[in-house]
Protein backbone atom coordinates (compact mmCIF):
# COMPACT_ATOMS: atom_id res chain seq x y z
CA UNK A 1 -10.96 -54.29 -47.45
CA UNK A 2 -12.36 -51.57 -49.69
CA UNK A 3 -12.87 -51.58 -53.41
CA UNK A 4 -10.54 -50.13 -56.01
CA UNK A 5 -12.18 -48.18 -58.81
CA UNK A 6 -10.53 -47.51 -62.14
CA UNK A 7 -11.66 -45.61 -65.18
CA UNK A 8 -12.31 -47.79 -68.15
CA UNK A 9 -13.35 -45.14 -70.71
CA UNK A 10 -14.56 -41.58 -70.71
CA UNK A 11 -17.61 -41.19 -73.06
CA UNK A 12 -18.59 -38.14 -74.91
CA UNK A 13 -22.09 -37.09 -73.62
CA UNK A 14 -22.97 -35.66 -77.05
CA UNK A 15 -22.21 -38.94 -78.77
CA UNK A 16 -24.63 -40.88 -76.56
CA UNK A 17 -27.61 -38.57 -76.41
CA UNK A 18 -30.93 -39.28 -77.94
CA UNK A 19 -31.80 -37.36 -81.10
CA UNK A 20 -33.77 -34.81 -79.08
CA UNK A 21 -30.34 -33.74 -77.65
CA UNK A 22 -29.03 -32.54 -74.29
CA UNK A 23 -31.64 -30.81 -72.18
CA UNK A 24 -30.23 -27.38 -71.03
CA UNK A 25 -33.01 -26.51 -68.57
CA UNK A 26 -31.47 -27.26 -65.20
CA UNK A 27 -34.80 -28.13 -63.60
CA UNK A 28 -35.95 -30.61 -66.28
CA UNK A 29 -35.85 -34.30 -65.45
CA UNK A 30 -35.28 -36.75 -68.36
CA UNK A 31 -33.61 -40.05 -69.04
CA UNK A 32 -31.70 -42.06 -71.57
CA UNK A 33 -31.38 -45.80 -71.95
CA UNK A 34 -27.93 -47.17 -72.98
CA UNK A 35 -27.34 -50.61 -74.26
CA UNK A 36 -23.82 -51.34 -72.90
CA UNK A 37 -21.46 -54.30 -73.56
CA UNK A 38 -17.84 -54.39 -72.53
CA UNK A 39 -15.44 -57.27 -73.25
CA UNK A 40 -12.34 -57.49 -71.07
CA UNK A 41 -9.30 -59.68 -70.80
CA UNK A 42 -8.45 -60.01 -67.12
CA UNK A 43 -5.81 -61.44 -64.86
CA UNK A 44 -6.31 -61.76 -61.10
CA UNK A 45 -4.94 -64.00 -58.31
CA UNK A 46 -7.89 -64.18 -55.91
CA UNK A 47 -11.52 -64.94 -56.59
CA UNK A 48 -13.36 -61.64 -56.47
CA UNK A 49 -16.41 -59.79 -57.60
CA UNK A 50 -15.79 -57.22 -60.34
CA UNK A 51 -18.40 -54.65 -61.22
CA UNK A 52 -18.94 -52.23 -64.09
CA UNK A 53 -20.50 -48.84 -63.38
CA UNK A 54 -21.68 -46.04 -65.47
CA UNK A 55 -20.88 -42.73 -63.87
CA UNK A 56 -22.19 -39.39 -64.89
CA UNK A 57 -22.66 -35.85 -63.79
CA UNK A 58 -25.80 -33.66 -63.97
CA UNK A 59 -26.92 -30.67 -61.99
CA UNK A 60 -27.31 -32.97 -58.95
CA UNK A 61 -23.61 -33.77 -59.03
CA UNK A 62 -21.88 -37.06 -59.66
CA UNK A 63 -24.07 -40.15 -60.03
CA UNK A 64 -23.27 -43.82 -60.32
CA UNK A 65 -25.33 -46.86 -61.64
CA UNK A 66 -24.34 -50.47 -61.62
CA UNK A 67 -24.22 -52.07 -65.10
CA UNK A 68 -23.23 -55.60 -64.30
CA UNK A 69 -21.14 -57.74 -61.88
CA UNK A 70 -19.09 -60.92 -62.43
CA UNK A 71 -17.23 -63.31 -60.13
CA UNK A 72 -13.71 -63.71 -61.56
CA UNK A 73 -10.52 -65.69 -60.96
CA UNK A 74 -7.33 -66.31 -62.85
CA UNK A 75 -6.92 -65.44 -66.52
CA UNK A 76 -10.13 -65.08 -68.44
CA UNK A 77 -12.32 -63.04 -70.69
CA UNK A 78 -15.44 -61.29 -69.37
CA UNK A 79 -18.52 -59.79 -70.88
CA UNK A 80 -20.30 -57.09 -68.95
CA UNK A 81 -23.68 -56.31 -70.49
CA UNK A 82 -26.97 -54.60 -69.63
CA UNK A 83 -29.50 -52.04 -70.73
CA UNK A 84 -29.19 -49.25 -68.26
CA UNK A 85 -31.81 -46.35 -67.82
CA UNK A 86 -30.04 -43.25 -66.65
CA UNK A 87 -32.17 -40.61 -64.86
CA UNK A 88 -30.83 -37.12 -65.55
CA UNK A 89 -31.73 -33.71 -64.23
CA UNK A 90 -30.71 -30.81 -66.40
CA UNK A 91 -27.83 -31.08 -68.87
CA UNK A 92 -25.68 -34.19 -68.95
CA UNK A 93 -22.15 -32.91 -68.21
CA UNK A 94 -19.98 -36.06 -68.22
CA UNK A 95 -20.33 -39.84 -68.70
CA UNK A 96 -17.76 -42.60 -68.11
CA UNK A 97 -17.48 -46.34 -67.40
CA UNK A 98 -15.47 -47.54 -64.38
CA UNK A 99 -14.58 -50.96 -63.08
CA UNK A 100 -14.66 -51.83 -59.35
CA UNK A 101 -12.53 -54.74 -57.93
CA UNK A 102 -10.86 -55.79 -54.61
CA UNK A 103 -7.15 -56.33 -55.05
CA UNK A 104 -4.43 -54.26 -56.66
CA UNK A 105 -3.07 -57.32 -58.52
CA UNK A 106 -6.20 -57.28 -60.81
CA UNK A 107 -5.18 -56.36 -64.30
CA UNK A 108 -7.52 -55.83 -67.30
CA UNK A 109 -7.46 -54.77 -70.89
CA UNK A 110 -10.44 -53.59 -72.93
CA UNK A 111 -11.08 -55.91 -75.89
CA UNK A 112 -14.26 -54.22 -77.14
CA UNK A 113 -16.76 -51.64 -76.02
CA UNK A 114 -20.34 -51.28 -77.40
CA UNK A 115 -22.66 -48.40 -76.50
CA UNK A 116 -25.92 -47.57 -78.16
CA UNK A 117 -28.71 -45.23 -77.20
CA UNK A 118 -32.09 -46.92 -77.14
CA UNK A 119 -34.65 -44.32 -78.06
CA UNK A 120 -38.26 -44.66 -77.12
CA UNK A 121 -40.46 -45.52 -80.06
CA UNK A 122 -42.16 -42.49 -81.57
CA UNK A 123 -45.94 -42.62 -81.78
CA UNK A 124 -47.25 -43.50 -85.22
CA UNK A 125 -49.00 -40.36 -86.58
CA UNK A 126 -51.51 -42.47 -88.37
CA UNK A 127 -52.65 -44.00 -85.14
CA UNK A 128 -55.14 -41.75 -83.39
CA UNK A 129 -57.08 -41.98 -80.21
CA UNK A 130 -60.86 -42.12 -80.69
CA UNK A 131 -63.13 -41.62 -77.88
């Protein structure tokens, strides 16, 4: 039996880019780190693994990264959470979150979504290398 994948939320790439912005050079490789947390209310009949993915498109085409997986059954609330480093080449075209599960009877509702860009620390200009 294959997996069913459903879009949870389309994200705006501009909203989740580091302060340096979207790289327009198609040959430039870069990355962003997203702190993601998604709270869901779910209903399912069978015990099954449910996975949250971040999907994005860059010059290489569509890409997919696993955020988190949970084993679920019955009626419950779930928290998917992780810090995900997304390798990108060229401009970031689209970003979305999707949920993968096994049975069509699986139902979910988004309770809350948290997304924050984790920017690398900037070097302190007062600290200098001495050699």
